[in-house]
Amino acid sequence: MSDEGDPFFFEYLLNSVSLVPLLDAARELDGVEFLHGTRQQMMQFSFVKGEPALRVCLEWAATCDLQDVRKALGEQQLAAIRAWTCTPLCYILCFKLRSPSRTLASVKRVLPYARLMFEGLHALPERYIFQDGTLYRAETGAMKTWDSKMYPGGSFGFYAPTSFSRDPAVLKNFKEEEVRTVFILHGASGWILDDFSGYTEQEVLVESVCFVEVIAAEMFDASHRDVLMGEIKQGLHRVEGRVRPGVELLEGSQVKKYEAESYRKWQEVQQRKLDDRAEVMTGLEFDPFTDEEWVAKGKMVPKKDKERKMSLLGKGAFMSTFRKKGKLSAISKDVRRYAVKVVERENMESLGITEKDVRQEARTLGLMRHKHVTRYYGWEESEEEFGIVMEIAQGKKPCATGPRRGLQESLSRRANYWRLCCRCPVPWNTSTCKASCTATSRRTTSSSRIPRVTGLCVSRWPTLESRRCCPRSQDPPRC
C-alpha cells in the first residue's frame, strides 16, 4: 500500500471493526495528525475540543425534519454524515486514506468513523443520489505527477471520498491562491449532501475509488498567453475529464452502478459519432506527379497505367498510399488533395485481414485530432480495393543533415528505450531485434489492453505486462 494508485480492500477493513456510536468513533481519533484542507497546515485532532461540535451533530440528527431518512439510517449514521460536512473528521479520513505511506496500522483508527458514515450513505433514499452530471472542485496546490498524468487520454483517481459541488461558482473562492487546481468532472455520480450540510455550496460526495479519463488539461504558468494578458493569475492548473468505472471498494454501492451505466452510455454515443464521421467518399481521382517531378524522385516514367503508378506516395507491407484529388463532400466546391491508403481485397484475404480490421483502423484514426497528426476524412471502396482517405502532408522534403537526422536520432533513442522495456538483448537497428520484439508483441497483444492497429506499428509497442519494470514517469508515446 505504498503507492497512491494501489487501492486496498476497504470493505474488508470496515467489516473488521465494530459499529460504534459517533462519539466513540471520534474518540479513537484523539491525537491523530492530519492536514487541514482549509488552513493548509498540519494539525492534531483533540477529542475534547471537537466533542461539542459532534454533540451538535447528534442533536441535529435527533431533531431534524428528515424523519424518513432518520428511520432508514439511524441517528448515529445520520449524525456521522452531518459531521462530515461541518467537522474536521472529513480531513482526517481523507488524509489517512490518501497518504502514499499509509499502512494497515495508520488507517485503523479512522475505520470506525468510516464504517459509520458509509453505512449511512448506502442507506440513503435514491433521491439523494446525483446521477450522470458535471461536478466542480478546487484545491490549493497541484499534484506532483501532473505532467505524467494530465494529458488528453491520461487518467488519475480519487482514492478517498471527495467532496465536489454542482455549482461552478465555488471555484471563485480559490481565485487568489498562488498555486491551485480546478477539477471539472463529467458523467459523475455521488451523494447529494445539501440536506445534511450547514453550507450552501451544493455539495456532492464522490465515492472512492473514482477514476477520471482526462479530456483536456492546461497549466497556466508565467509564459501562458492568458497570464501575460492579465486574464488569469499565474499558478492555475485546470483539468477536465470524464468519470469512468473505478474499483468498487464497498459492495452494493448504487453510486458505482450509476457511474458504470453513465460511462457505457457515453461510449455508445462516441461510437455512433465515429460511425457517422466515417463516411464513404466518392468521386476521388488519381493526382499523378508530373514527368519532371517523377524523374526528380529518381524513378522512370512508366509506359502503362501511368496515372495510377505516378500517383504513388509510398508502399507498406500490405497497403499502398496514393495521392488523389476530389471534393470533401457533394456540396463542396473546393477540390482538395488527399492521401489514400489502399489495400486490395485479395491481399486482405491472403493476409487474414478483414474489412472490419481496416474500418477499425479508420475509426481509430478518426479519434486522433492534433496539429501534428494527419487528419482522417473517411474511406472509399470498390469491388477490388478498400481505401482510407487522409490529409496529405504538404511541405518540403527534409534534408539529410538537418531535422531529419535529429528525428532519426530521437526515434532511435525511443526504440532502444522500448527495447529495454521488452528486455530484448540486441540493439533495435538489427533485424534480429525487430523480428524478436515483433514476434513477442504478436504473442501477447491478444491479452493486452494496447490495441493492435493495422498499419500503425502499434503491435511493436511493449504490452502492459512487459512495461511493469518501467518507471511511471516514462509512459509510451502519445498521439
Protein backbone atom coordinates (compact mmCIF):
# COMPACT_ATOMS: atom_id res chain seq x y z
CA MET A 1 0.00 0.00 0.00
CA SER A 2 2.92 2.32 -0.62
CA ASP A 3 1.54 3.80 -3.83
CA GLU A 4 -1.44 6.12 -4.06
CA GLY A 5 -2.74 4.30 -7.14
CA ASP A 6 -2.97 0.90 -5.45
CA PRO A 7 -6.33 0.77 -3.60
CA PHE A 8 -6.73 -1.68 -0.78
CA PHE A 9 -9.74 -3.75 0.25
CA PHE A 10 -11.63 -1.09 2.16
CA GLU A 11 -14.74 -3.20 2.64
CA TYR A 12 -12.78 -5.95 4.34
CA LEU A 13 -11.20 -3.40 6.66
CA LEU A 14 -14.56 -1.82 7.52
CA ASN A 15 -16.05 -5.21 8.35
CA SER A 16 -13.12 -5.89 10.67
CA VAL A 17 -14.22 -3.14 13.08
CA SER A 18 -17.33 -2.98 15.22
CA LEU A 19 -20.11 -0.47 14.61
CA VAL A 20 -19.83 2.08 17.42
CA PRO A 21 -21.55 5.39 18.24
CA LEU A 22 -20.20 8.60 16.71
CA LEU A 23 -18.56 9.87 19.90
CA ASP A 24 -16.70 6.58 20.40
CA ALA A 25 -15.54 6.61 16.78
CA ALA A 26 -14.28 10.20 17.18
CA ARG A 27 -12.57 9.35 20.47
CA GLU A 28 -10.42 6.83 18.54
CA LEU A 29 -9.03 9.76 16.52
CA ASP A 30 -7.77 11.73 19.51
CA GLY A 31 -4.19 12.84 18.88
CA VAL A 32 -4.20 11.96 15.16
CA GLU A 33 -2.24 14.40 12.96
CA PHE A 34 -3.83 15.50 9.70
CA LEU A 35 -3.66 18.18 7.02
CA HIS A 36 -6.46 20.73 7.41
CA GLY A 37 -7.73 21.40 3.89
CA THR A 38 -8.89 24.96 4.50
CA ARG A 39 -5.98 26.16 6.63
CA GLN A 40 -3.40 24.13 4.64
CA GLN A 41 -1.42 23.22 7.73
CA MET A 42 -0.79 20.12 9.79
CA MET A 43 -2.94 19.90 12.92
CA GLN A 44 -3.63 17.43 15.73
CA PHE A 45 -7.20 16.38 16.46
CA SER A 46 -8.34 16.88 20.04
CA PHE A 47 -11.47 14.97 21.02
CA VAL A 48 -12.06 17.32 23.98
CA LYS A 49 -12.15 20.35 21.68
CA GLY A 50 -14.16 18.59 18.98
CA GLU A 51 -16.75 16.93 21.25
CA PRO A 52 -19.12 19.97 21.44
CA ALA A 53 -19.42 20.13 17.64
CA LEU A 54 -20.06 16.37 17.48
CA ARG A 55 -22.82 16.64 20.10
CA VAL A 56 -24.43 19.37 17.98
CA CYS A 57 -24.43 16.89 15.06
CA LEU A 58 -26.13 14.26 17.25
CA GLU A 59 -28.74 16.75 18.42
CA TRP A 60 -29.42 17.77 14.83
CA ALA A 61 -29.83 14.11 13.78
CA ALA A 62 -32.38 13.54 16.55
CA THR A 63 -34.50 16.63 15.84
CA CYS A 64 -34.25 17.36 12.09
CA ASP A 65 -37.28 17.12 9.80
CA LEU A 66 -35.80 14.22 7.79
CA GLN A 67 -37.88 11.56 9.54
CA ASP A 68 -37.78 9.01 6.70
CA VAL A 69 -34.01 9.37 6.42
CA ARG A 70 -33.52 9.02 10.19
CA LYS A 71 -35.65 5.88 10.16
CA ALA A 72 -33.72 4.37 7.22
CA LEU A 73 -30.24 5.23 8.53
CA GLY A 74 -30.42 5.59 12.30
CA GLU A 75 -29.44 8.65 14.34
CA GLN A 76 -25.76 7.73 14.70
CA GLN A 77 -25.25 7.21 10.96
CA LEU A 78 -27.16 10.40 10.16
CA ALA A 79 -25.02 12.33 12.63
CA ALA A 80 -21.86 10.85 11.05
CA ILE A 81 -22.87 12.25 7.64
CA ARG A 82 -23.57 15.64 9.24
CA ALA A 83 -20.15 15.53 10.92
CA TRP A 84 -18.52 15.03 7.51
CA THR A 85 -19.84 18.41 6.37
CA CYS A 86 -19.01 20.55 9.42
CA THR A 87 -16.20 18.99 11.49
CA PRO A 88 -12.52 18.11 10.81
CA LEU A 89 -13.38 14.39 10.59
CA CYS A 90 -13.56 14.67 6.78
CA TYR A 91 -9.98 15.98 6.62
CA ILE A 92 -8.72 13.24 8.95
CA LEU A 93 -10.36 10.44 6.93
CA CYS A 94 -9.14 11.77 3.55
CA PHE A 95 -5.61 12.47 4.80
CA LYS A 96 -5.16 8.96 6.14
CA LEU A 97 -6.64 7.20 3.11
CA ARG A 98 -4.77 9.33 0.56
CA SER A 99 -1.39 9.17 2.24
CA PRO A 100 1.20 7.45 -0.02
CA SER A 101 2.78 5.91 3.09
CA ARG A 102 -0.45 4.50 4.51
CA THR A 103 -0.40 1.14 6.23
CA LEU A 104 -2.98 -1.05 7.92
CA ALA A 105 -1.91 0.40 11.25
CA SER A 106 -2.14 4.02 10.08
CA VAL A 107 -5.71 3.71 8.76
CA LYS A 108 -7.02 1.53 11.60
CA ARG A 109 -8.04 4.47 13.79
CA VAL A 110 -10.24 6.08 11.10
CA LEU A 111 -12.13 2.87 10.27
CA PRO A 112 -14.84 3.12 12.98
CA TYR A 113 -15.94 6.55 11.75
CA ALA A 114 -15.61 5.45 8.09
CA ARG A 115 -17.86 2.44 8.65
CA LEU A 116 -20.47 4.53 10.45
CA MET A 117 -20.56 7.14 7.67
CA PHE A 118 -20.57 4.69 4.73
CA GLU A 119 -23.32 2.59 6.24
CA GLY A 120 -25.36 5.76 6.43
CA LEU A 121 -24.58 6.81 2.85
CA HIS A 122 -25.51 3.42 1.40
CA ALA A 123 -28.86 3.50 3.22
CA LEU A 124 -29.87 6.92 1.86
CA PRO A 125 -33.02 7.05 -0.31
CA GLU A 126 -32.42 7.25 -4.06
CA ARG A 127 -33.40 10.92 -4.22
CA TYR A 128 -30.05 11.71 -2.62
CA ILE A 129 -28.05 10.16 -5.47
CA PHE A 130 -26.59 12.58 -8.01
CA GLN A 131 -26.56 10.84 -11.40
CA ASP A 132 -24.51 11.42 -14.57
CA GLY A 133 -23.81 15.14 -14.24
CA THR A 134 -20.99 17.68 -14.08
CA LEU A 135 -19.21 18.42 -10.81
CA TYR A 136 -16.60 21.02 -9.81
CA ARG A 137 -13.80 21.08 -7.25
CA ALA A 138 -10.86 23.37 -6.47
CA GLU A 139 -7.82 22.58 -4.33
CA THR A 140 -4.83 24.54 -3.10
CA GLY A 141 -1.62 23.27 -4.68
CA ALA A 142 -1.05 20.85 -7.57
CA MET A 143 -0.19 17.16 -7.77
CA LYS A 144 3.45 16.25 -8.32
CA THR A 145 2.54 13.84 -11.12
CA TRP A 146 0.74 16.49 -13.21
CA ASP A 147 2.98 16.19 -16.29
CA SER A 148 2.83 12.40 -16.42
CA LYS A 149 -0.96 12.09 -15.90
CA MET A 150 -2.68 15.25 -17.12
CA TYR A 151 -2.90 14.91 -20.90
CA PRO A 152 -5.85 14.03 -23.17
CA GLY A 153 -6.34 10.29 -22.78
CA GLY A 154 -4.47 10.12 -19.47
CA SER A 155 -6.12 9.18 -16.21
CA PHE A 156 -5.98 9.90 -12.50
CA GLY A 157 -8.03 8.89 -9.48
CA PHE A 158 -9.51 9.95 -6.17
CA TYR A 159 -8.68 7.21 -3.65
CA ALA A 160 -10.67 8.65 -0.76
CA PRO A 161 -14.24 10.01 -0.58
CA THR A 162 -14.04 13.51 -2.07
CA SER A 163 -16.43 16.45 -1.94
CA PHE A 164 -17.41 18.28 -5.13
CA SER A 165 -20.02 20.91 -5.94
CA ARG A 166 -22.72 21.18 -8.56
CA ASP A 167 -22.18 24.95 -8.63
CA PRO A 168 -19.14 26.21 -10.61
CA ALA A 169 -19.25 29.47 -8.61
CA VAL A 170 -17.44 27.72 -5.72
CA LEU A 171 -14.26 27.84 -7.81
CA LYS A 172 -14.07 31.61 -7.28
CA ASN A 173 -13.04 31.04 -3.68
CA PHE A 174 -9.65 29.78 -4.90
CA LYS A 175 -9.08 32.50 -7.49
CA GLU A 176 -6.43 34.33 -5.44
CA GLU A 177 -4.45 31.24 -4.41
CA GLU A 178 -0.86 31.11 -5.67
CA VAL A 179 -0.97 27.50 -6.89
CA ARG A 180 -4.37 25.87 -7.32
CA THR A 181 -6.03 23.03 -9.20
CA VAL A 182 -9.52 23.06 -10.67
CA PHE A 183 -11.24 19.76 -11.46
CA ILE A 184 -14.26 19.55 -13.79
CA LEU A 185 -15.80 16.07 -13.94
CA HIS A 186 -18.39 14.96 -16.49
CA GLY A 187 -20.54 11.85 -16.13
CA ALA A 188 -20.07 11.92 -12.35
CA SER A 189 -22.30 10.33 -9.71
CA GLY A 190 -22.31 10.77 -5.94
CA TRP A 191 -24.27 11.50 -2.79
CA ILE A 192 -26.14 14.83 -2.52
CA LEU A 193 -25.44 16.29 0.92
CA ASP A 194 -27.47 19.51 0.77
CA ASP A 195 -29.94 18.41 3.45
CA PHE A 196 -27.14 17.37 5.82
CA SER A 197 -24.86 20.37 5.47
CA GLY A 198 -24.97 23.76 7.11
CA TYR A 199 -23.44 25.34 3.98
CA THR A 200 -24.95 26.31 0.62
CA GLU A 201 -22.25 25.01 -1.71
CA GLN A 202 -24.40 22.23 -3.26
CA GLU A 203 -22.05 19.50 -2.06
CA VAL A 204 -21.86 16.08 -3.71
CA LEU A 205 -19.70 13.38 -2.16
CA VAL A 206 -17.97 11.22 -4.79
CA GLU A 207 -17.28 7.70 -3.57
CA SER A 208 -13.85 6.16 -3.88
CA VAL A 209 -12.23 4.82 -5.94
CA CYS A 210 -13.16 7.36 -8.62
CA PHE A 211 -11.14 7.14 -11.84
CA VAL A 212 -11.16 10.03 -14.33
CA GLU A 213 -10.22 9.93 -18.01
CA VAL A 214 -8.66 13.26 -18.99
CA ILE A 215 -10.35 15.22 -21.78
CA ALA A 216 -8.28 18.41 -21.52
CA ALA A 217 -5.64 19.77 -19.14
CA GLU A 218 -3.88 23.11 -19.00
CA MET A 219 -1.27 24.69 -16.77
CA PHE A 220 -1.16 28.48 -16.58
CA ASP A 221 2.48 29.38 -15.95
CA ALA A 222 4.25 32.72 -16.43
CA SER A 223 4.55 32.20 -20.21
CA HIS A 224 0.88 31.37 -20.78
CA ARG A 225 -0.94 33.84 -23.02
CA ASP A 226 -3.84 34.39 -20.61
CA VAL A 227 -1.40 35.09 -17.77
CA LEU A 228 0.52 37.59 -19.88
CA MET A 229 -2.77 39.30 -20.78
CA GLY A 230 -3.69 39.53 -17.11
CA GLU A 231 -6.85 37.48 -17.57
CA ILE A 232 -5.79 34.68 -15.21
CA LYS A 233 -3.45 34.68 -12.25
CA GLN A 234 -0.37 32.50 -12.62
CA GLY A 235 -0.43 29.10 -10.90
CA LEU A 236 -3.77 27.74 -12.11
CA HIS A 237 -3.90 24.05 -13.08
CA ARG A 238 -7.16 23.10 -14.77
CA VAL A 239 -8.20 19.61 -15.79
CA GLU A 240 -11.44 18.42 -17.35
CA GLY A 241 -12.31 14.76 -17.56
CA ARG A 242 -14.96 12.06 -17.67
CA VAL A 243 -15.55 9.65 -14.82
CA ARG A 244 -15.07 6.00 -15.75
CA PRO A 245 -15.87 2.98 -13.58
CA GLY A 246 -13.42 2.61 -10.74
CA VAL A 247 -12.73 -0.06 -8.15
CA GLU A 248 -15.84 -0.77 -6.10
CA LEU A 249 -14.43 -0.80 -2.59
CA LEU A 250 -17.84 -1.19 -0.95
CA GLU A 251 -20.10 -3.89 -2.39
CA GLY A 252 -23.59 -2.87 -3.46
CA SER A 253 -22.93 0.85 -3.96
CA GLN A 254 -25.67 2.48 -6.06
CA VAL A 255 -23.31 5.33 -6.96
CA LYS A 256 -20.86 2.93 -8.60
CA LYS A 257 -23.65 1.36 -10.63
CA TYR A 258 -24.66 4.76 -11.97
CA GLU A 259 -21.02 5.53 -12.79
CA ALA A 260 -20.74 2.37 -14.87
CA GLU A 261 -24.06 2.98 -16.62
CA SER A 262 -23.13 6.58 -17.45
CA TYR A 263 -19.78 5.55 -18.92
CA ARG A 264 -21.39 2.80 -21.01
CA LYS A 265 -23.92 5.26 -22.49
CA TRP A 266 -21.15 7.75 -23.24
CA GLN A 267 -19.13 5.08 -25.06
CA GLU A 268 -22.16 4.22 -27.18
CA VAL A 269 -22.60 7.88 -28.13
CA GLN A 270 -18.91 8.18 -29.04
CA GLN A 271 -19.12 5.07 -31.20
CA ARG A 272 -22.15 6.45 -33.06
CA LYS A 273 -20.26 9.68 -33.68
CA LEU A 274 -17.35 7.71 -35.09
CA ASP A 275 -19.67 5.73 -37.33
CA ASP A 276 -21.31 8.94 -38.58
CA ARG A 277 -17.96 10.61 -39.13
CA ALA A 278 -16.61 7.65 -41.08
CA GLU A 279 -18.39 8.50 -44.30
CA VAL A 280 -17.83 6.94 -47.71
CA MET A 281 -16.15 9.35 -50.11
CA THR A 282 -16.79 9.04 -53.84
CA GLY A 283 -15.51 10.77 -56.95
CA LEU A 284 -11.83 10.81 -55.98
CA GLU A 285 -9.38 10.75 -58.89
CA PHE A 286 -5.70 9.92 -59.07
CA ASP A 287 -3.49 13.02 -58.91
CA PRO A 288 -0.23 11.93 -60.59
CA PHE A 289 3.08 13.78 -60.37
CA THR A 290 4.38 15.45 -63.50
CA ASP A 291 7.07 13.69 -65.54
CA GLU A 292 9.67 16.16 -64.25
CA GLU A 293 8.66 15.58 -60.63
CA TRP A 294 8.66 11.83 -61.11
CA VAL A 295 12.13 11.80 -62.69
CA ALA A 296 13.40 14.10 -59.91
CA LYS A 297 12.34 11.40 -57.46
CA GLY A 298 14.78 9.06 -59.19
CA LYS A 299 12.12 6.97 -60.92
CA MET A 300 11.43 6.08 -64.53
CA VAL A 301 8.22 7.24 -66.17
CA PRO A 302 6.03 4.13 -66.69
CA LYS A 303 4.55 3.35 -70.08
CA LYS A 304 1.38 1.66 -68.82
CA ASP A 305 -1.09 2.66 -66.13
CA LYS A 306 0.80 5.93 -65.87
CA GLU A 307 -1.85 7.83 -63.90
CA ARG A 308 -2.04 5.28 -61.10
CA LYS A 309 1.63 4.45 -60.84
CA MET A 310 2.76 8.09 -60.83
CA SER A 311 0.29 8.93 -58.03
CA LEU A 312 2.03 6.56 -55.63
CA LEU A 313 3.31 8.23 -52.45
CA GLY A 314 4.57 5.13 -50.69
CA LYS A 315 4.10 1.43 -50.16
CA GLY A 316 3.93 -0.63 -47.00
CA ALA A 317 3.62 -4.30 -46.09
CA PHE A 318 0.10 -4.66 -47.47
CA MET A 319 -1.15 -1.12 -48.14
CA SER A 320 -0.14 1.45 -50.76
CA THR A 321 -0.69 5.19 -50.39
CA PHE A 322 -1.74 7.24 -53.41
CA ARG A 323 -2.19 10.94 -53.96
CA LYS A 324 -5.74 11.67 -55.06
CA LYS A 325 -7.90 14.72 -55.53
CA GLY A 326 -11.59 15.43 -55.18
CA LYS A 327 -14.25 17.26 -53.17
CA LEU A 328 -14.65 16.77 -49.45
CA SER A 329 -18.43 16.50 -49.85
CA ALA A 330 -21.11 16.71 -52.51
CA ILE A 331 -21.90 20.36 -51.70
CA SER A 332 -18.28 21.48 -51.52
CA LYS A 333 -16.82 23.42 -54.43
CA ASP A 334 -13.16 23.21 -53.46
CA VAL A 335 -11.05 20.44 -54.94
CA ARG A 336 -8.51 19.16 -52.44
CA ARG A 337 -5.66 16.68 -52.40
CA TYR A 338 -5.75 13.61 -50.17
CA ALA A 339 -3.52 10.71 -49.23
CA VAL A 340 -5.45 7.47 -49.70
CA LYS A 341 -4.15 4.26 -48.12
CA VAL A 342 -5.37 1.47 -50.38
CA VAL A 343 -5.45 -2.26 -49.78
CA GLU A 344 -6.54 -4.83 -52.36
CA ARG A 345 -9.24 -7.18 -51.17
CA GLU A 346 -7.32 -10.18 -52.49
CA ASN A 347 -4.35 -9.24 -50.30
CA MET A 348 -6.65 -8.81 -47.33
CA GLU A 349 -7.82 -12.39 -47.63
CA SER A 350 -4.32 -13.80 -48.04
CA LEU A 351 -3.04 -11.84 -45.02
CA GLY A 352 -6.02 -12.77 -42.87
CA ILE A 353 -7.19 -9.17 -42.61
CA THR A 354 -10.89 -8.45 -42.80
CA GLU A 355 -12.73 -5.34 -43.87
CA LYS A 356 -13.70 -4.93 -40.22
CA ASP A 357 -9.99 -4.59 -39.29
CA VAL A 358 -9.47 -1.81 -41.81
CA ARG A 359 -12.60 0.01 -40.71
CA GLN A 360 -11.41 -0.24 -37.12
CA GLU A 361 -8.14 1.43 -38.10
CA ALA A 362 -10.16 4.15 -39.79
CA ARG A 363 -12.19 4.71 -36.61
CA THR A 364 -9.00 4.84 -34.53
CA LEU A 365 -7.51 7.44 -36.87
CA GLY A 366 -10.74 9.41 -36.57
CA LEU A 367 -10.13 9.76 -32.81
CA MET A 368 -6.79 11.49 -33.32
CA ARG A 369 -7.16 15.27 -33.60
CA HIS A 370 -3.88 17.14 -33.24
CA LYS A 371 -1.88 19.60 -35.30
CA HIS A 372 0.97 17.06 -35.57
CA VAL A 373 -1.29 14.13 -36.57
CA THR A 374 -2.60 13.76 -40.11
CA ARG A 375 -6.37 14.08 -40.19
CA TYR A 376 -8.73 11.30 -41.24
CA TYR A 377 -11.67 12.13 -43.54
CA GLY A 378 -13.40 8.88 -44.48
CA TRP A 379 -12.97 5.90 -46.80
CA GLU A 380 -13.58 4.86 -50.36
CA GLU A 381 -14.28 1.36 -51.60
CA SER A 382 -14.75 -0.62 -54.77
CA GLU A 383 -15.08 -4.27 -55.69
CA GLU A 384 -11.28 -4.63 -55.89
CA GLU A 385 -9.96 -2.20 -53.27
CA PHE A 386 -10.63 -0.51 -49.96
CA GLY A 387 -9.07 2.86 -49.12
CA ILE A 388 -8.71 5.15 -46.11
CA VAL A 389 -8.83 8.84 -47.03
CA MET A 390 -6.48 11.05 -45.01
CA GLU A 391 -4.96 14.52 -45.02
CA ILE A 392 -1.92 14.81 -47.26
CA ALA A 393 1.16 16.25 -45.59
CA GLN A 394 2.32 19.18 -47.69
CA GLY A 395 5.83 20.54 -47.31
CA LYS A 396 9.44 20.33 -48.36
CA LYS A 397 11.50 17.18 -48.27
CA PRO A 398 13.68 17.20 -45.12
CA CYS A 399 17.39 17.42 -45.74
CA ALA A 400 19.72 14.59 -44.78
CA THR A 401 21.71 16.59 -42.21
CA GLY A 402 19.01 18.79 -40.68
CA PRO A 403 15.82 17.99 -38.79
CA ARG A 404 15.63 14.52 -40.34
CA ARG A 405 18.85 13.49 -38.67
CA GLY A 406 17.56 14.75 -35.31
CA LEU A 407 14.31 12.89 -35.86
CA GLN A 408 16.15 9.66 -36.65
CA GLU A 409 18.25 10.01 -33.50
CA SER A 410 15.11 10.68 -31.44
CA LEU A 411 13.37 7.64 -32.89
CA SER A 412 16.46 5.54 -32.31
CA ARG A 413 16.61 6.56 -28.65
CA ARG A 414 12.90 5.84 -28.21
CA ALA A 415 13.20 2.46 -29.95
CA ASN A 416 16.12 1.45 -27.72
CA TYR A 417 14.10 2.54 -24.67
CA TRP A 418 11.30 0.20 -25.72
CA ARG A 419 13.88 -2.50 -26.40
CA LEU A 420 14.94 -2.22 -22.75
CA CYS A 421 11.30 -2.34 -21.63
CA CYS A 422 10.86 -5.54 -23.65
CA ARG A 423 14.10 -6.88 -22.17
CA CYS A 424 15.37 -7.51 -25.70
CA PRO A 425 19.11 -8.37 -25.63
CA VAL A 426 20.08 -6.99 -29.07
CA PRO A 427 20.00 -3.42 -30.49
CA TRP A 428 16.87 -2.26 -32.28
CA ASN A 429 18.68 -1.48 -35.52
CA THR A 430 19.27 -5.16 -36.22
CA SER A 431 16.77 -7.38 -37.99
CA THR A 432 17.08 -9.90 -35.15
CA CYS A 433 15.64 -7.48 -32.58
CA LYS A 434 12.89 -6.33 -34.92
CA ALA A 435 11.81 -9.90 -35.51
CA SER A 436 12.13 -10.80 -31.83
CA CYS A 437 10.17 -7.82 -30.48
CA THR A 438 7.53 -8.09 -33.18
CA ALA A 439 7.07 -11.79 -32.51
CA THR A 440 6.87 -11.15 -28.77
CA SER A 441 4.23 -8.47 -29.21
CA ARG A 442 2.18 -10.67 -31.54
CA ARG A 443 2.12 -13.40 -28.91
CA THR A 444 0.98 -11.05 -26.15
CA THR A 445 -1.13 -8.43 -27.91
CA SER A 446 -4.29 -10.54 -27.68
CA SER A 447 -4.17 -10.38 -23.88
CA SER A 448 -3.06 -6.75 -23.73
CA ARG A 449 -5.18 -3.65 -23.49
CA ILE A 450 -2.97 -1.92 -26.07
CA PRO A 451 -4.79 -2.14 -29.44
CA ARG A 452 -3.05 -3.68 -32.36
CA VAL A 453 -3.99 -1.35 -35.20
CA THR A 454 -3.15 -2.49 -38.71
CA GLY A 455 -0.58 -0.32 -40.46
CA LEU A 456 0.26 1.86 -37.42
CA CYS A 457 3.12 -0.17 -35.87
CA VAL A 458 1.21 -0.27 -32.57
CA SER A 459 1.81 -4.01 -32.43
CA ARG A 460 5.51 -3.35 -31.74
CA TRP A 461 4.86 -1.46 -28.52
CA PRO A 462 5.51 -3.43 -25.33
CA THR A 463 2.44 -4.88 -23.68
CA LEU A 464 1.23 -3.85 -20.25
CA GLU A 465 2.88 -6.94 -18.79
CA SER A 466 6.32 -6.04 -20.18
CA ARG A 467 6.01 -2.39 -19.01
CA ARG A 468 5.81 -3.21 -15.32
CA CYS A 469 9.57 -2.74 -15.00
CA CYS A 470 9.35 0.84 -16.34
CA PRO A 471 9.02 3.95 -14.15
CA ARG A 472 5.62 5.61 -14.20
CA SER A 473 7.10 8.84 -15.49
CA GLN A 474 8.12 7.12 -18.74
CA ASP A 475 4.79 6.30 -20.37
CA PRO A 476 4.52 5.16 -24.01
CA PRO A 477 4.50 7.85 -26.74
CA ARG A 478 1.15 9.60 -27.01
CA CYS A 479 -0.72 10.61 -30.16
